[in-house]
Protein backbone atom coordinates (compact mmCIF):
# COMPACT_ATOMS: atom_id res chain seq x y z
CA UNK A 1 199.71 147.92 61.05
CA UNK A 2 198.91 150.35 63.96
CA UNK A 3 196.78 149.60 66.88
CA UNK A 4 193.61 151.68 66.59
CA UNK A 5 192.11 150.59 69.89
CA UNK A 6 190.89 153.53 71.91
CA UNK A 7 192.83 154.26 75.14
CA UNK A 8 189.46 153.96 77.20
CA UNK A 9 189.12 150.33 75.87
CA UNK A 10 192.74 149.40 76.75
CA UNK A 11 192.37 150.95 80.09
CA UNK A 12 189.14 149.27 80.86
CA UNK A 13 190.46 145.93 79.73
CA UNK A 14 193.53 146.26 81.90
CA UNK A 15 191.48 147.16 84.92
CA UNK A 16 189.08 144.28 84.31
CA UNK A 17 192.13 141.90 83.89
CA UNK A 18 193.55 143.03 87.19
CA UNK A 19 190.08 142.72 88.99
CA UNK A 20 189.56 139.10 87.74
CA UNK A 21 192.94 137.89 88.94
CA UNK A 22 191.51 135.69 91.84
CA UNK A 23 189.10 133.81 89.45
CA UNK A 24 189.91 130.43 87.83
CA UNK A 25 191.96 131.02 84.77
CA UNK A 26 189.54 129.61 82.35
CA UNK A 27 186.68 131.87 83.63
CA UNK A 28 189.00 134.83 83.76
CA UNK A 29 189.95 134.26 80.16
CA UNK A 30 186.38 133.76 79.00
CA UNK A 31 185.16 137.07 80.67
CA UNK A 32 188.13 139.15 79.29
CA UNK A 33 187.79 137.66 75.89
CA UNK A 34 184.12 138.16 75.63
CA UNK A 35 184.20 141.97 76.75
CA UNK A 36 187.30 142.44 74.48
CA UNK A 37 185.17 141.10 71.50
CA UNK A 38 182.36 143.43 72.50
CA UNK A 39 184.56 146.33 72.47
CA UNK A 40 186.59 145.47 69.53
CA UNK A 41 186.33 147.82 66.49
CA UNK A 42 184.50 150.54 68.46
CA UNK A 43 185.71 154.10 68.24
CA UNK A 44 186.30 155.97 71.54
CA UNK A 45 182.86 157.39 71.89
CA UNK A 46 181.05 154.13 71.21
CA UNK A 47 183.58 152.16 73.45
CA UNK A 48 182.81 154.63 76.31
CA UNK A 49 179.04 154.21 75.88
CA UNK A 50 179.45 150.48 75.83
CA UNK A 51 181.74 150.53 78.88
CA UNK A 52 179.11 152.47 80.83
CA UNK A 53 176.52 149.71 79.93
CA UNK A 54 178.94 147.04 81.01
CA UNK A 55 179.70 148.61 84.28
CA UNK A 56 182.67 148.88 86.59
CA UNK A 57 185.33 146.12 86.23
CA UNK A 58 185.22 145.62 90.03
CA UNK A 59 181.41 145.01 89.88
CA UNK A 60 181.86 142.45 87.05
CA UNK A 61 184.63 140.76 89.01
CA UNK A 62 182.52 140.66 92.05
CA UNK A 63 179.66 139.20 90.31
CA UNK A 64 181.85 136.42 88.82
CA UNK A 65 183.37 135.75 92.29
CA UNK A 66 179.97 135.35 93.76
CA UNK A 67 178.94 132.96 91.07
CA UNK A 68 182.06 130.82 91.47
CA UNK A 69 181.70 130.84 95.27
CA UNK A 70 178.26 129.53 94.96
CA UNK A 71 179.43 126.72 92.62
CA UNK A 72 182.57 125.87 94.32
CA UNK A 73 182.65 123.09 97.15
CA UNK A 74 183.65 124.26 100.57
CA UNK A 75 187.34 123.98 101.31
CA UNK A 76 187.21 123.42 105.04
CA UNK A 77 189.05 120.29 106.00
CA UNK A 78 186.81 119.89 109.10
CA UNK A 79 183.70 119.49 107.11
CA UNK A 80 184.25 117.61 103.82
CA UNK A 81 181.60 118.34 101.14
CA UNK A 82 178.83 115.83 100.66
CA UNK A 83 179.68 113.95 97.50
CA UNK A 84 177.93 111.38 95.21
CA UNK A 85 177.03 108.94 97.85
CA UNK A 86 175.47 111.71 100.02
CA UNK A 87 173.36 112.83 97.00
CA UNK A 88 171.96 109.45 96.42
CA UNK A 89 171.20 109.06 100.03
CA UNK A 90 169.50 112.51 100.01
CA UNK A 91 167.17 111.26 97.10
CA UNK A 92 166.49 107.95 98.82
CA UNK A 93 165.69 109.81 102.18
CA UNK A 94 163.35 112.16 100.30
CA UNK A 95 161.45 109.35 98.49
CA UNK A 96 161.33 106.63 101.14
CA UNK A 97 161.22 109.02 104.10
CA UNK A 98 158.18 110.60 102.77
CA UNK A 99 156.40 107.33 102.91
CA UNK A 100 157.75 105.87 106.13
CA UNK A 101 157.64 109.06 108.25
CA UNK A 102 155.34 111.38 106.11
CA UNK A 103 156.26 114.94 107.34
CA UNK A 104 159.52 114.47 109.05
CA UNK A 105 160.96 112.02 106.37
CA UNK A 106 160.00 114.48 103.61
CA UNK A 107 161.51 117.47 105.41
CA UNK A 108 164.68 115.58 106.23
CA UNK A 109 164.95 114.54 102.52
CA UNK A 110 164.63 118.15 101.42
CA UNK A 111 167.27 119.12 103.94
CA UNK A 112 169.63 116.45 102.62
CA UNK A 113 168.93 117.57 99.07
CA UNK A 114 169.82 121.11 100.02
CA UNK A 115 173.27 120.02 101.28
CA UNK A 116 174.11 117.72 98.35
CA UNK A 117 176.36 118.74 95.49
CA UNK A 118 174.44 116.91 92.67
CA UNK A 119 172.04 119.88 92.15
CA UNK A 120 172.44 123.60 91.39
CA UNK A 121 171.03 126.14 93.79
CA UNK A 122 168.01 126.75 91.35
CA UNK A 123 167.22 123.09 91.33
CA UNK A 124 167.28 123.03 95.10
CA UNK A 125 165.15 126.04 95.45
CA UNK A 126 162.76 124.62 92.89
CA UNK A 127 162.46 121.39 94.78
CA UNK A 128 161.55 123.35 97.96
CA UNK A 129 159.13 125.72 96.20
CA UNK A 130 157.48 122.96 94.24
CA UNK A 131 156.74 120.87 97.43
CA UNK A 132 155.81 123.68 99.70
CA UNK A 133 153.70 125.13 96.96
CA UNK A 134 151.77 122.01 96.15
CA UNK A 135 151.28 121.11 99.82
CA UNK A 136 149.91 124.66 100.56
CA UNK A 137 147.67 124.50 97.62
CA UNK A 138 146.41 121.06 98.59
CA UNK A 139 145.68 122.20 102.12
CA UNK A 140 143.82 125.28 100.71
CA UNK A 141 141.91 123.11 98.30
CA UNK A 142 140.94 120.47 100.95
CA UNK A 143 139.85 123.38 103.27
CA UNK A 144 137.65 124.86 100.59
CA UNK A 145 136.25 121.42 99.62
CA UNK A 146 135.48 120.58 103.18
CA UNK A 147 133.78 123.81 103.89
CA UNK A 148 131.59 123.56 100.73
CA UNK A 149 130.59 119.98 101.68
CA UNK A 150 132.22 118.47 98.71
CA UNK A 151 133.73 115.07 98.90
CA UNK A 152 137.22 113.96 97.63
CA UNK A 153 139.41 115.94 99.99
CA UNK A 154 141.31 112.79 100.45
CA UNK A 155 142.46 112.85 96.87
CA UNK A 156 143.83 116.40 97.36
CA UNK A 157 145.69 115.35 100.41
CA UNK A 158 147.14 112.30 98.40
CA UNK A 159 148.42 114.73 95.84
CA UNK A 160 150.23 116.74 98.33
CA UNK A 161 151.59 113.47 99.96
CA UNK A 162 152.93 112.36 96.46
CA UNK A 163 154.71 115.45 95.64
CA UNK A 164 157.79 114.59 97.64
CA UNK A 165 158.52 111.26 95.88
CA UNK A 166 157.87 112.89 92.49
CA UNK A 167 160.34 115.66 93.26
CA UNK A 168 162.86 112.99 94.48
CA UNK A 169 162.48 111.01 91.12
CA UNK A 170 162.98 114.29 89.04
CA UNK A 171 166.08 115.17 90.98
CA UNK A 172 167.48 111.57 90.75
CA UNK A 173 166.85 111.68 87.03
CA UNK A 174 168.60 115.15 86.68
CA UNK A 175 171.50 114.06 88.80
CA UNK A 176 171.93 110.73 86.93
CA UNK A 177 172.10 112.51 83.65
CA UNK A 178 175.03 114.55 85.00
CA UNK A 179 176.77 111.73 86.63
CA UNK A 180 175.67 112.88 90.13
CA UNK A 181 177.85 116.11 89.57
CA UNK A 182 176.50 119.53 89.44
């Protein structure tokens, strides 16, 4: 049986394979296999159109490298990456610190969470956005309520105060389900 794969497909896959050389073997294989499957069975014209949609292999490789750099732990021997214990301490500082030293303890806890490996970038960003967003909304609501002469501003402030322990508990549950590894 003769190979009917168009030259453009073969050249594209070869260039992609070369560009992905620095990635972990399993990721390299998955990307090449996935794109090969997308191009499989297409004639030269359809393959060229799909290749234009996929983009330059160097761009695909750069995106994949950026993703793996974000997920890979630092390799500097001078600063070992924070591990499971550090992640647990981060949650404890976030929860307990927000009660013991309300503003400073909560910020320290969020900074610890940002350095821990138990959560993805998205989870870390969500923890910051949730806490800052709720605090800002609570401050705005308490200002409006105070200027309107309405009571209950203390309840609004309490909600802002309790968001830090709630975020800490949510992060702890998510990390526990993954065994404290992202």
